[in-house]
N, C-alpha and C. Protein backbone atom coordinates (compact mmCIF):
# COMPACT_ATOMS: atom_id res chain seq x y z
N MET A 1 145.51 147.90 156.48
CA MET A 1 145.04 146.59 156.96
C MET A 1 143.53 146.44 156.78
N LYS A 2 142.80 147.52 157.15
CA LYS A 2 141.35 147.49 157.00
C LYS A 2 140.95 147.37 155.52
N THR A 3 141.73 148.01 154.66
CA THR A 3 141.43 147.95 153.22
C THR A 3 141.56 146.53 152.71
N ILE A 4 142.60 145.82 153.16
CA ILE A 4 142.82 144.43 152.75
C ILE A 4 141.68 143.55 153.23
N GLN A 5 141.23 143.80 154.48
CA GLN A 5 140.14 143.01 155.03
C GLN A 5 138.84 143.24 154.24
N LYS A 6 138.60 144.51 153.85
CA LYS A 6 137.41 144.83 153.07
C LYS A 6 137.44 144.13 151.71
N ILE A 7 138.62 144.13 151.08
CA ILE A 7 138.76 143.47 149.78
C ILE A 7 138.50 141.98 149.90
N ALA A 8 139.09 141.38 150.94
CA ALA A 8 138.91 139.94 151.16
C ALA A 8 137.45 139.61 151.40
N LEU A 9 136.75 140.46 152.18
CA LEU A 9 135.33 140.24 152.47
C LEU A 9 134.50 140.36 151.21
N SER A 10 134.83 141.32 150.37
CA SER A 10 134.09 141.52 149.11
C SER A 10 134.25 140.31 148.19
N VAL A 11 135.49 139.80 148.10
CA VAL A 11 135.75 138.62 147.27
C VAL A 11 134.95 137.42 147.76
N TRP A 12 134.92 137.28 149.10
CA TRP A 12 134.19 136.15 149.71
C TRP A 12 132.70 136.24 149.41
N VAL A 13 132.14 137.45 149.51
CA VAL A 13 130.71 137.65 149.22
C VAL A 13 130.41 137.36 147.76
N LEU A 14 131.24 137.84 146.87
CA LEU A 14 131.03 137.60 145.44
C LEU A 14 131.10 136.12 145.12
N THR A 15 132.04 135.42 145.78
CA THR A 15 132.16 133.97 145.56
C THR A 15 130.89 133.25 145.96
N LEU A 16 130.32 133.64 147.10
CA LEU A 16 129.07 133.04 147.56
C LEU A 16 127.94 133.31 146.59
N VAL A 17 127.85 134.54 146.09
CA VAL A 17 126.78 134.91 145.16
C VAL A 17 126.87 134.10 143.88
N PHE A 18 128.07 134.02 143.30
CA PHE A 18 128.24 133.27 142.05
C PHE A 18 127.95 131.79 142.25
N SER A 19 128.41 131.24 143.38
CA SER A 19 128.18 129.83 143.66
C SER A 19 126.68 129.53 143.79
N TYR A 20 125.96 130.41 144.50
CA TYR A 20 124.52 130.22 144.70
C TYR A 20 123.78 130.33 143.37
N THR A 21 124.17 131.30 142.53
CA THR A 21 123.52 131.50 141.23
C THR A 21 123.70 130.28 140.35
N ALA A 22 124.93 129.75 140.31
CA ALA A 22 125.20 128.57 139.48
C ALA A 22 124.43 127.37 139.98
N LEU A 23 124.35 127.24 141.31
CA LEU A 23 123.66 126.09 141.89
C LEU A 23 122.18 126.14 141.60
N THR A 24 121.55 127.30 141.82
CA THR A 24 120.10 127.42 141.60
C THR A 24 119.75 127.31 140.13
N ALA A 25 120.61 127.82 139.24
CA ALA A 25 120.34 127.70 137.80
C ALA A 25 120.38 126.26 137.37
N GLY A 26 121.33 125.50 137.93
CA GLY A 26 121.44 124.09 137.56
C GLY A 26 120.29 123.26 138.08
N ASN A 27 119.67 123.70 139.18
CA ASN A 27 118.59 122.92 139.78
C ASN A 27 117.21 123.47 139.46
N ASP A 28 117.15 124.44 138.55
CA ASP A 28 115.86 125.04 138.19
C ASP A 28 115.07 124.06 137.33
N PRO A 29 113.97 123.47 137.86
CA PRO A 29 113.21 122.49 137.08
C PRO A 29 112.60 123.08 135.83
N GLY A 30 112.27 124.38 135.87
CA GLY A 30 111.70 125.01 134.68
C GLY A 30 112.68 125.03 133.53
N LYS A 31 113.97 125.32 133.86
CA LYS A 31 114.98 125.35 132.82
C LYS A 31 115.25 123.96 132.28
N LYS A 32 115.23 122.96 133.16
CA LYS A 32 115.44 121.59 132.69
C LYS A 32 114.33 121.17 131.75
N THR A 33 113.10 121.57 132.07
CA THR A 33 111.96 121.22 131.22
C THR A 33 112.09 121.88 129.86
N ALA A 34 112.57 123.15 129.89
CA ALA A 34 112.72 123.86 128.62
C ALA A 34 113.79 123.22 127.76
N LEU A 35 114.87 122.74 128.42
CA LEU A 35 115.96 122.15 127.67
C LEU A 35 115.57 120.81 127.06
N LYS A 36 114.84 120.01 127.81
CA LYS A 36 114.52 118.67 127.31
C LYS A 36 113.17 118.21 127.83
N ALA A 37 112.14 118.35 126.99
CA ALA A 37 110.81 117.89 127.36
C ALA A 37 110.74 116.37 127.24
N LYS A 38 109.89 115.78 128.02
CA LYS A 38 109.74 114.33 128.01
C LYS A 38 109.08 113.85 126.72
N ALA A 39 109.62 112.81 126.13
CA ALA A 39 109.04 112.24 124.90
C ALA A 39 107.77 111.48 125.25
N THR A 40 106.74 111.66 124.44
CA THR A 40 105.46 111.00 124.65
C THR A 40 105.05 110.26 123.39
N THR A 41 104.58 109.03 123.55
CA THR A 41 104.10 108.24 122.42
C THR A 41 102.58 108.27 122.40
N LEU A 42 102.03 108.74 121.28
CA LEU A 42 100.58 108.85 121.11
C LEU A 42 100.11 107.76 120.15
N THR A 43 98.97 107.18 120.45
CA THR A 43 98.44 106.09 119.64
C THR A 43 97.57 106.61 118.51
N VAL A 44 97.80 106.11 117.31
CA VAL A 44 97.02 106.51 116.15
C VAL A 44 95.57 106.02 116.29
N ASP A 45 94.64 106.89 115.95
CA ASP A 45 93.22 106.55 115.95
C ASP A 45 92.80 106.24 114.51
N PRO A 46 92.67 104.96 114.14
CA PRO A 46 92.33 104.60 112.76
C PRO A 46 90.99 105.18 112.30
N ALA A 47 90.05 105.32 113.22
CA ALA A 47 88.73 105.83 112.85
C ALA A 47 88.77 107.30 112.43
N LYS A 48 89.73 108.06 112.97
CA LYS A 48 89.84 109.47 112.64
C LYS A 48 90.89 109.74 111.57
N SER A 49 91.68 108.73 111.24
CA SER A 49 92.74 108.87 110.24
C SER A 49 92.21 108.46 108.87
N GLN A 50 92.91 108.88 107.83
CA GLN A 50 92.43 108.61 106.47
C GLN A 50 93.57 108.56 105.47
N LEU A 51 93.49 107.62 104.55
CA LEU A 51 94.44 107.55 103.43
C LEU A 51 93.64 107.44 102.14
N ILE A 52 93.83 108.42 101.27
CA ILE A 52 93.17 108.44 99.96
C ILE A 52 94.24 108.29 98.89
N TRP A 53 94.04 107.34 97.99
CA TRP A 53 94.99 107.17 96.88
C TRP A 53 94.35 107.63 95.58
N ASN A 54 95.20 108.05 94.66
CA ASN A 54 94.73 108.45 93.33
C ASN A 54 95.74 108.01 92.29
N ALA A 55 95.27 107.30 91.28
CA ALA A 55 96.14 106.81 90.21
C ALA A 55 95.56 107.25 88.87
N LYS A 56 96.40 107.83 88.04
CA LYS A 56 95.95 108.31 86.73
C LYS A 56 96.35 107.32 85.64
N LYS A 57 95.57 107.33 84.59
CA LYS A 57 95.84 106.47 83.44
C LYS A 57 95.45 107.22 82.18
N VAL A 58 95.74 106.64 81.03
CA VAL A 58 95.34 107.26 79.77
C VAL A 58 93.82 107.34 79.72
N GLY A 59 93.32 108.55 79.63
CA GLY A 59 91.87 108.73 79.50
C GLY A 59 91.11 108.74 80.81
N GLY A 60 91.79 108.78 81.95
CA GLY A 60 91.03 108.81 83.21
C GLY A 60 91.88 108.61 84.44
N GLU A 61 91.22 108.29 85.52
CA GLU A 61 91.89 108.08 86.81
C GLU A 61 90.97 107.32 87.74
N HIS A 62 91.56 106.79 88.82
CA HIS A 62 90.79 106.10 89.85
C HIS A 62 91.23 106.60 91.21
N THR A 63 90.28 106.63 92.14
CA THR A 63 90.53 107.09 93.50
C THR A 63 89.91 106.11 94.49
N GLY A 64 90.55 105.97 95.65
CA GLY A 64 90.01 105.06 96.65
C GLY A 64 90.64 105.28 98.01
N ASN A 65 90.38 104.35 98.90
CA ASN A 65 90.87 104.45 100.28
C ASN A 65 91.63 103.21 100.71
N VAL A 66 92.47 103.40 101.71
CA VAL A 66 93.10 102.29 102.43
C VAL A 66 93.05 102.68 103.91
N LYS A 67 92.63 101.76 104.77
CA LYS A 67 92.52 102.06 106.19
C LYS A 67 93.84 101.84 106.92
N LEU A 68 94.10 102.70 107.88
CA LEU A 68 95.22 102.47 108.79
C LEU A 68 94.75 101.51 109.87
N SER A 69 95.55 100.51 110.18
CA SER A 69 95.16 99.53 111.21
C SER A 69 95.70 99.90 112.58
N LYS A 70 96.87 100.53 112.62
CA LYS A 70 97.47 100.94 113.89
C LYS A 70 98.65 101.85 113.61
N GLY A 71 99.22 102.37 114.69
CA GLY A 71 100.39 103.23 114.53
C GLY A 71 100.61 104.08 115.77
N SER A 72 101.65 104.89 115.72
CA SER A 72 101.95 105.78 116.84
C SER A 72 102.72 106.99 116.33
N MET A 73 102.63 108.07 117.09
CA MET A 73 103.39 109.28 116.82
C MET A 73 104.13 109.65 118.10
N THR A 74 105.41 109.98 117.96
CA THR A 74 106.22 110.37 119.12
C THR A 74 106.42 111.88 119.09
N VAL A 75 106.07 112.52 120.19
CA VAL A 75 106.23 113.97 120.29
C VAL A 75 107.08 114.30 121.51
N GLN A 76 107.78 115.40 121.40
CA GLN A 76 108.60 115.88 122.52
C GLN A 76 108.29 117.35 122.70
N GLY A 77 107.50 117.65 123.74
CA GLY A 77 107.01 119.01 123.88
C GLY A 77 106.03 119.32 122.77
N SER A 78 106.36 120.32 121.97
CA SER A 78 105.50 120.70 120.84
C SER A 78 106.07 120.24 119.50
N LYS A 79 107.02 119.30 119.55
CA LYS A 79 107.67 118.85 118.32
C LYS A 79 107.40 117.38 118.03
N LEU A 80 107.20 117.09 116.75
CA LEU A 80 107.09 115.70 116.29
C LEU A 80 108.51 115.16 116.12
N THR A 81 108.77 113.98 116.68
CA THR A 81 110.11 113.40 116.59
C THR A 81 110.14 112.03 115.90
N GLY A 82 108.98 111.38 115.76
CA GLY A 82 108.97 110.06 115.14
C GLY A 82 107.57 109.52 115.00
N GLY A 83 107.49 108.32 114.45
CA GLY A 83 106.19 107.69 114.30
C GLY A 83 106.25 106.51 113.35
N VAL A 84 105.23 105.68 113.40
CA VAL A 84 105.11 104.55 112.49
C VAL A 84 103.63 104.31 112.23
N PHE A 85 103.27 104.04 110.96
CA PHE A 85 101.88 103.83 110.59
C PHE A 85 101.77 102.54 109.79
N VAL A 86 100.75 101.75 110.09
CA VAL A 86 100.53 100.48 109.39
C VAL A 86 99.25 100.58 108.57
N MET A 87 99.36 100.27 107.28
CA MET A 87 98.23 100.33 106.36
C MET A 87 97.73 98.91 106.08
N ASP A 88 96.45 98.71 106.26
CA ASP A 88 95.82 97.41 106.02
C ASP A 88 95.44 97.32 104.55
N MET A 89 96.28 96.66 103.75
CA MET A 89 96.09 96.62 102.31
C MET A 89 94.86 95.79 101.91
N THR A 90 94.37 94.97 102.81
CA THR A 90 93.16 94.19 102.50
C THR A 90 91.93 95.08 102.43
N THR A 91 92.05 96.32 102.92
CA THR A 91 90.90 97.22 102.93
C THR A 91 90.87 98.16 101.73
N ILE A 92 91.76 97.98 100.77
CA ILE A 92 91.81 98.89 99.64
C ILE A 92 90.48 98.90 98.89
N THR A 93 89.99 100.09 98.61
CA THR A 93 88.72 100.24 97.90
C THR A 93 88.86 101.27 96.78
N ASP A 94 87.90 101.25 95.88
CA ASP A 94 87.76 102.26 94.85
C ASP A 94 86.48 103.04 95.15
N THR A 95 86.54 104.36 95.02
CA THR A 95 85.37 105.19 95.35
C THR A 95 84.77 105.91 94.15
N ASP A 96 85.33 105.71 92.96
CA ASP A 96 84.80 106.45 91.81
C ASP A 96 83.93 105.59 90.88
N LEU A 97 84.10 104.29 90.93
CA LEU A 97 83.31 103.41 90.06
C LEU A 97 81.98 103.06 90.73
N THR A 98 80.89 103.47 90.11
CA THR A 98 79.57 103.21 90.68
C THR A 98 79.00 101.86 90.26
N ASN A 99 79.52 101.30 89.17
CA ASN A 99 79.09 99.97 88.74
C ASN A 99 79.73 98.93 89.65
N ALA A 100 78.91 98.17 90.35
CA ALA A 100 79.42 97.22 91.36
C ALA A 100 80.36 96.19 90.77
N ASP A 101 80.04 95.68 89.57
CA ASP A 101 80.87 94.66 88.94
C ASP A 101 82.24 95.22 88.57
N PHE A 102 82.25 96.41 87.96
CA PHE A 102 83.52 97.05 87.58
C PHE A 102 84.34 97.39 88.82
N ASN A 103 83.65 97.84 89.87
CA ASN A 103 84.32 98.20 91.11
C ASN A 103 85.02 96.99 91.73
N THR A 104 84.29 95.88 91.80
CA THR A 104 84.85 94.65 92.36
C THR A 104 86.02 94.15 91.52
N LYS A 105 85.87 94.25 90.21
CA LYS A 105 86.93 93.79 89.30
C LYS A 105 88.21 94.60 89.53
N LEU A 106 88.06 95.92 89.69
CA LEU A 106 89.24 96.76 89.89
C LEU A 106 89.91 96.47 91.24
N THR A 107 89.14 96.45 92.31
CA THR A 107 89.74 96.23 93.63
C THR A 107 90.38 94.84 93.74
N THR A 108 89.76 93.84 93.09
CA THR A 108 90.35 92.50 93.07
C THR A 108 91.69 92.52 92.33
N HIS A 109 91.74 93.28 91.24
CA HIS A 109 92.98 93.39 90.47
C HIS A 109 94.06 94.10 91.29
N LEU A 110 93.68 95.15 92.01
CA LEU A 110 94.65 95.89 92.82
C LEU A 110 95.26 95.01 93.92
N LYS A 111 94.49 94.05 94.39
CA LYS A 111 94.98 93.15 95.43
C LYS A 111 95.82 92.00 94.87
N SER A 112 95.83 91.85 93.56
CA SER A 112 96.51 90.72 92.92
C SER A 112 98.02 90.93 92.82
N GLU A 113 98.70 89.94 92.24
CA GLU A 113 100.15 89.99 92.06
C GLU A 113 100.56 91.12 91.13
N ASP A 114 99.66 91.58 90.24
CA ASP A 114 99.99 92.67 89.33
C ASP A 114 100.26 93.97 90.08
N PHE A 115 99.64 94.11 91.23
CA PHE A 115 99.77 95.36 91.98
C PHE A 115 100.32 95.13 93.39
N PHE A 116 99.47 95.04 94.40
CA PHE A 116 99.95 95.05 95.78
C PHE A 116 100.12 93.67 96.43
N SER A 117 99.80 92.62 95.73
CA SER A 117 100.03 91.26 96.22
C SER A 117 99.58 91.12 97.68
N VAL A 118 98.31 91.46 97.91
CA VAL A 118 97.78 91.57 99.26
C VAL A 118 97.78 90.26 100.03
N GLU A 119 97.57 89.15 99.34
CA GLU A 119 97.55 87.86 100.05
C GLU A 119 98.89 87.58 100.72
N LYS A 120 99.99 87.91 100.03
CA LYS A 120 101.33 87.70 100.58
C LYS A 120 101.76 88.84 101.49
N HIS A 121 101.29 90.03 101.19
CA HIS A 121 101.73 91.22 101.93
C HIS A 121 100.50 92.04 102.34
N PRO A 122 99.78 91.60 103.37
CA PRO A 122 98.54 92.27 103.77
C PRO A 122 98.73 93.64 104.42
N ALA A 123 99.96 93.96 104.78
CA ALA A 123 100.21 95.26 105.43
C ALA A 123 101.36 95.99 104.76
N SER A 124 101.23 97.31 104.69
CA SER A 124 102.33 98.19 104.29
C SER A 124 102.61 99.12 105.47
N THR A 125 103.83 99.59 105.57
CA THR A 125 104.18 100.44 106.72
C THR A 125 104.96 101.68 106.28
N PHE A 126 104.85 102.72 107.09
CA PHE A 126 105.70 103.90 106.92
C PHE A 126 106.27 104.25 108.28
N LYS A 127 107.59 104.31 108.37
CA LYS A 127 108.27 104.63 109.62
C LYS A 127 109.07 105.91 109.45
N ILE A 128 108.76 106.89 110.29
CA ILE A 128 109.47 108.17 110.23
C ILE A 128 110.90 108.01 110.75
N THR A 129 111.86 108.44 109.95
CA THR A 129 113.26 108.40 110.37
C THR A 129 113.78 109.80 110.70
N LYS A 130 113.09 110.82 110.20
CA LYS A 130 113.50 112.20 110.50
C LYS A 130 112.29 113.12 110.32
N ALA A 131 112.11 114.01 111.29
CA ALA A 131 111.05 115.01 111.22
C ALA A 131 111.69 116.38 111.45
N GLU A 132 111.81 117.15 110.38
CA GLU A 132 112.52 118.43 110.45
C GLU A 132 111.54 119.60 110.34
N PRO A 133 111.43 120.43 111.38
CA PRO A 133 110.58 121.62 111.29
C PRO A 133 111.04 122.55 110.18
N ILE A 134 110.10 123.14 109.47
CA ILE A 134 110.41 124.10 108.42
C ILE A 134 110.43 125.49 109.04
N ALA A 135 111.56 126.16 108.93
CA ALA A 135 111.72 127.47 109.55
C ALA A 135 110.75 128.48 108.95
N LYS A 136 110.15 129.28 109.82
CA LYS A 136 109.26 130.38 109.44
C LYS A 136 108.10 129.92 108.57
N ALA A 137 107.59 128.72 108.83
CA ALA A 137 106.45 128.23 108.07
C ALA A 137 105.21 129.06 108.41
N LYS A 138 104.44 129.40 107.38
CA LYS A 138 103.24 130.21 107.59
C LYS A 138 102.08 129.33 108.07
N ALA A 139 101.17 129.92 108.79
CA ALA A 139 100.01 129.20 109.32
C ALA A 139 99.23 128.56 108.17
N GLY A 140 98.89 127.29 108.33
CA GLY A 140 98.13 126.59 107.31
C GLY A 140 98.96 125.92 106.25
N GLU A 141 100.26 126.24 106.21
CA GLU A 141 101.15 125.63 105.23
C GLU A 141 101.99 124.54 105.90
N ALA A 142 102.66 123.74 105.06
CA ALA A 142 103.50 122.67 105.59
C ALA A 142 104.54 123.24 106.54
N ASN A 143 104.68 122.63 107.71
CA ASN A 143 105.65 123.12 108.69
C ASN A 143 106.70 122.08 109.07
N TYR A 144 106.66 120.93 108.39
CA TYR A 144 107.66 119.87 108.61
C TYR A 144 108.06 119.26 107.28
N THR A 145 109.30 118.80 107.23
CA THR A 145 109.73 117.89 106.17
C THR A 145 109.89 116.53 106.80
N ILE A 146 109.08 115.57 106.33
CA ILE A 146 109.10 114.23 106.89
C ILE A 146 109.90 113.30 105.98
N THR A 147 110.81 112.56 106.57
CA THR A 147 111.56 111.53 105.85
C THR A 147 111.31 110.20 106.54
N GLY A 148 111.07 109.16 105.74
CA GLY A 148 110.80 107.87 106.35
C GLY A 148 110.95 106.72 105.39
N ASP A 149 110.80 105.52 105.93
CA ASP A 149 110.91 104.30 105.14
C ASP A 149 109.52 103.75 104.84
N LEU A 150 109.20 103.67 103.57
CA LEU A 150 107.92 103.12 103.13
C LEU A 150 108.15 101.69 102.66
N THR A 151 107.41 100.75 103.27
CA THR A 151 107.52 99.34 102.91
C THR A 151 106.23 98.87 102.28
N ILE A 152 106.33 98.42 101.03
CA ILE A 152 105.20 97.85 100.29
C ILE A 152 105.68 96.55 99.65
N LYS A 153 104.89 95.50 99.79
CA LYS A 153 105.26 94.19 99.23
C LYS A 153 106.60 93.70 99.78
N GLY A 154 106.93 94.09 101.00
CA GLY A 154 108.18 93.67 101.60
C GLY A 154 109.40 94.43 101.10
N ILE A 155 109.19 95.44 100.27
CA ILE A 155 110.27 96.24 99.71
C ILE A 155 110.26 97.61 100.39
N THR A 156 111.43 98.07 100.83
CA THR A 156 111.52 99.33 101.57
C THR A 156 112.38 100.35 100.83
N HIS A 157 111.84 101.54 100.70
CA HIS A 157 112.59 102.67 100.14
C HIS A 157 112.29 103.90 100.98
N SER A 158 113.26 104.81 101.02
CA SER A 158 113.08 106.06 101.76
C SER A 158 112.46 107.12 100.86
N LEU A 159 111.63 107.96 101.45
CA LEU A 159 111.08 109.10 100.71
C LEU A 159 110.84 110.26 101.66
N SER A 160 110.81 111.47 101.10
CA SER A 160 110.60 112.68 101.89
C SER A 160 109.47 113.50 101.29
N PHE A 161 108.74 114.21 102.14
CA PHE A 161 107.65 115.04 101.67
C PHE A 161 107.29 116.08 102.73
N PRO A 162 106.69 117.20 102.31
CA PRO A 162 106.25 118.21 103.28
C PRO A 162 104.97 117.77 103.97
N ALA A 163 104.79 118.18 105.22
CA ALA A 163 103.60 117.82 105.98
C ALA A 163 103.22 118.96 106.91
N THR A 164 101.94 119.00 107.24
CA THR A 164 101.45 119.97 108.21
C THR A 164 101.15 119.22 109.51
N VAL A 165 101.84 119.59 110.57
CA VAL A 165 101.72 118.90 111.85
C VAL A 165 101.15 119.85 112.90
N LYS A 166 100.14 119.37 113.62
CA LYS A 166 99.54 120.13 114.72
C LYS A 166 99.63 119.30 116.00
N ILE A 167 100.20 119.88 117.05
CA ILE A 167 100.34 119.18 118.33
C ILE A 167 99.70 120.03 119.42
N ASN A 168 98.79 119.43 120.16
CA ASN A 168 98.10 120.13 121.23
C ASN A 168 97.98 119.19 122.43
N GLY A 169 98.92 119.33 123.36
CA GLY A 169 98.91 118.46 124.53
C GLY A 169 99.12 117.01 124.13
N ASN A 170 98.16 116.16 124.48
CA ASN A 170 98.24 114.74 124.15
C ASN A 170 97.49 114.39 122.88
N MET A 171 97.38 115.35 121.99
CA MET A 171 96.76 115.11 120.69
C MET A 171 97.70 115.61 119.59
N ALA A 172 97.75 114.86 118.50
CA ALA A 172 98.59 115.26 117.37
C ALA A 172 97.88 114.89 116.07
N GLU A 173 98.10 115.72 115.07
CA GLU A 173 97.52 115.47 113.74
C GLU A 173 98.54 115.84 112.68
N ALA A 174 98.68 114.98 111.69
CA ALA A 174 99.60 115.23 110.58
C ALA A 174 98.88 115.01 109.27
N THR A 175 99.02 115.93 108.34
CA THR A 175 98.42 115.80 107.02
C THR A 175 99.49 116.02 105.96
N ALA A 176 99.40 115.26 104.87
CA ALA A 176 100.38 115.39 103.80
C ALA A 176 99.82 114.82 102.51
N LYS A 177 100.32 115.31 101.40
CA LYS A 177 99.98 114.77 100.08
C LYS A 177 101.28 114.61 99.31
N PHE A 178 101.56 113.40 98.84
CA PHE A 178 102.84 113.15 98.18
C PHE A 178 102.70 112.07 97.12
N GLU A 179 103.70 111.99 96.26
CA GLU A 179 103.70 111.01 95.16
C GLU A 179 104.58 109.82 95.51
N VAL A 180 104.17 108.67 94.99
CA VAL A 180 104.94 107.43 95.14
C VAL A 180 105.17 106.84 93.75
N ASN A 181 106.41 106.56 93.43
CA ASN A 181 106.72 105.89 92.16
C ASN A 181 106.57 104.38 92.38
N ARG A 182 105.49 103.83 91.90
CA ARG A 182 105.15 102.43 92.19
C ARG A 182 106.17 101.43 91.68
N THR A 183 106.92 101.79 90.65
CA THR A 183 107.87 100.82 90.08
C THR A 183 109.00 100.48 91.06
N LYS A 184 109.29 101.40 92.00
CA LYS A 184 110.33 101.13 93.00
C LYS A 184 109.93 100.00 93.94
N TRP A 185 108.62 99.78 94.03
CA TRP A 185 108.11 98.72 94.89
C TRP A 185 107.59 97.53 94.06
N ASP A 186 108.17 97.39 92.88
CA ASP A 186 107.87 96.26 91.99
C ASP A 186 106.39 96.18 91.61
N ILE A 187 105.78 97.34 91.41
CA ILE A 187 104.41 97.39 90.87
C ILE A 187 104.54 97.94 89.45
N LYS A 188 104.71 97.04 88.50
CA LYS A 188 105.09 97.44 87.15
C LYS A 188 104.03 97.13 86.10
N TYR A 189 102.84 96.76 86.52
CA TYR A 189 101.79 96.44 85.56
C TYR A 189 101.49 97.65 84.68
N ARG A 190 101.70 97.47 83.38
CA ARG A 190 101.48 98.52 82.38
C ARG A 190 102.15 99.84 82.76
N ALA A 191 103.37 99.72 83.24
CA ALA A 191 104.15 100.90 83.60
C ALA A 191 104.91 101.43 82.40
N ALA A 192 105.37 102.67 82.50
CA ALA A 192 106.08 103.30 81.38
C ALA A 192 107.45 102.69 81.14
N ILE A 193 108.02 102.02 82.14
CA ILE A 193 109.39 101.53 82.00
C ILE A 193 109.45 100.19 81.27
N ILE A 194 108.30 99.54 81.06
CA ILE A 194 108.32 98.24 80.39
C ILE A 194 107.23 98.18 79.33
N GLY A 195 107.30 97.16 78.49
CA GLY A 195 106.25 96.91 77.52
C GLY A 195 106.30 97.83 76.31
N THR A 196 105.31 97.66 75.46
CA THR A 196 105.20 98.49 74.26
C THR A 196 104.46 99.77 74.58
N ALA A 197 104.37 100.64 73.61
CA ALA A 197 103.67 101.91 73.81
C ALA A 197 102.21 101.68 74.20
N ALA A 198 101.63 100.62 73.68
CA ALA A 198 100.23 100.32 73.98
C ALA A 198 100.04 99.88 75.43
N ASP A 199 101.11 99.36 76.05
CA ASP A 199 101.03 98.90 77.44
C ASP A 199 101.15 100.05 78.44
N LYS A 200 101.73 101.15 78.02
CA LYS A 200 102.07 102.22 78.95
C LYS A 200 100.86 103.14 79.17
N ILE A 201 99.86 102.60 79.83
CA ILE A 201 98.62 103.36 79.98
C ILE A 201 98.35 103.79 81.42
N ILE A 202 99.16 103.33 82.38
CA ILE A 202 98.97 103.72 83.78
C ILE A 202 100.21 104.48 84.24
N ASP A 203 100.01 105.65 84.82
CA ASP A 203 101.15 106.45 85.29
C ASP A 203 101.97 105.68 86.32
N ASP A 204 103.28 105.88 86.26
CA ASP A 204 104.16 105.22 87.23
C ASP A 204 103.94 105.78 88.63
N ASN A 205 103.60 107.07 88.72
CA ASN A 205 103.38 107.70 90.02
C ASN A 205 101.90 107.70 90.41
N PHE A 206 101.64 107.42 91.68
CA PHE A 206 100.30 107.64 92.22
C PHE A 206 100.44 108.50 93.46
N THR A 207 99.37 109.16 93.84
CA THR A 207 99.44 110.08 94.98
C THR A 207 98.74 109.50 96.20
N ILE A 208 99.26 109.89 97.36
CA ILE A 208 98.66 109.53 98.64
C ILE A 208 98.31 110.82 99.37
N ASP A 209 97.06 110.95 99.76
CA ASP A 209 96.58 112.07 100.55
C ASP A 209 96.32 111.52 101.95
N LEU A 210 97.18 111.89 102.90
CA LEU A 210 97.19 111.22 104.20
C LEU A 210 96.81 112.16 105.33
N LYS A 211 96.00 111.65 106.24
CA LYS A 211 95.68 112.35 107.48
C LYS A 211 95.80 111.35 108.62
N VAL A 212 96.67 111.66 109.58
CA VAL A 212 96.90 110.77 110.72
C VAL A 212 96.57 111.53 112.00
N VAL A 213 95.69 110.96 112.80
CA VAL A 213 95.31 111.56 114.08
C VAL A 213 95.71 110.62 115.20
N ALA A 214 96.38 111.16 116.20
CA ALA A 214 96.82 110.32 117.33
C ALA A 214 96.56 111.04 118.65
N GLY A 215 96.38 110.24 119.70
CA GLY A 215 96.13 110.85 121.00
C GLY A 215 96.25 109.86 122.14
N LYS A 216 96.40 110.37 123.34
CA LYS A 216 96.51 109.61 124.58
C LYS A 216 97.76 108.74 124.61
N PRO A 217 98.56 108.86 125.62
CA PRO A 217 99.73 107.97 125.75
C PRO A 217 99.33 106.52 125.74
N GLU A 218 100.14 105.67 125.14
CA GLU A 218 99.81 104.25 125.01
C GLU A 218 99.64 103.57 126.37
N ASN A 219 100.38 104.03 127.38
CA ASN A 219 100.33 103.38 128.69
C ASN A 219 99.47 104.12 129.70
N SER A 220 98.62 105.03 129.20
CA SER A 220 97.79 105.79 130.12
C SER A 220 96.62 104.97 130.62
């Protein structure tokens, strides 16, 4: 009889221990935080951000800038989860031509219907649709694969590229360099896909060297 009572008491004690363990584990705020950190939206700082473009042609190349007007980056804990950046196409400049007349002529042409049609489409946007961490990325190398929708001249196409992302509290920075095939966005002036051999003097691809800096929650 005593043996049965001891067994029953042991079972009761074990039941209490397991119940308490399950309850405290479920209510542990530290574990909840680890499982799901709160998403935070950081505002892009246009003054600290930078976009450099480079386009090659037969016998040379041109380089310039476009300013970001606004944007945001969404982070969850130490991970980038989303973002959107707006480029002010009216600010496009050339930085390699020192002759003022030639410089003005080029930038005016870039803003025209032959290229970015800035009067009709003063802004271009990039919206992140997926941010995938790169496993075992080495320090200083790209640690994310960014996929997003790039809209130029009202035309949207998806593209992916490697990026280096740094997140420190309420500050985030992303840098990347990638190619854009301009013909997909109906920028076909002297492109390789049209015209005669003499017309094909500007590469279809141009590069974007991007640095985006964001900080402070939007509602802080």
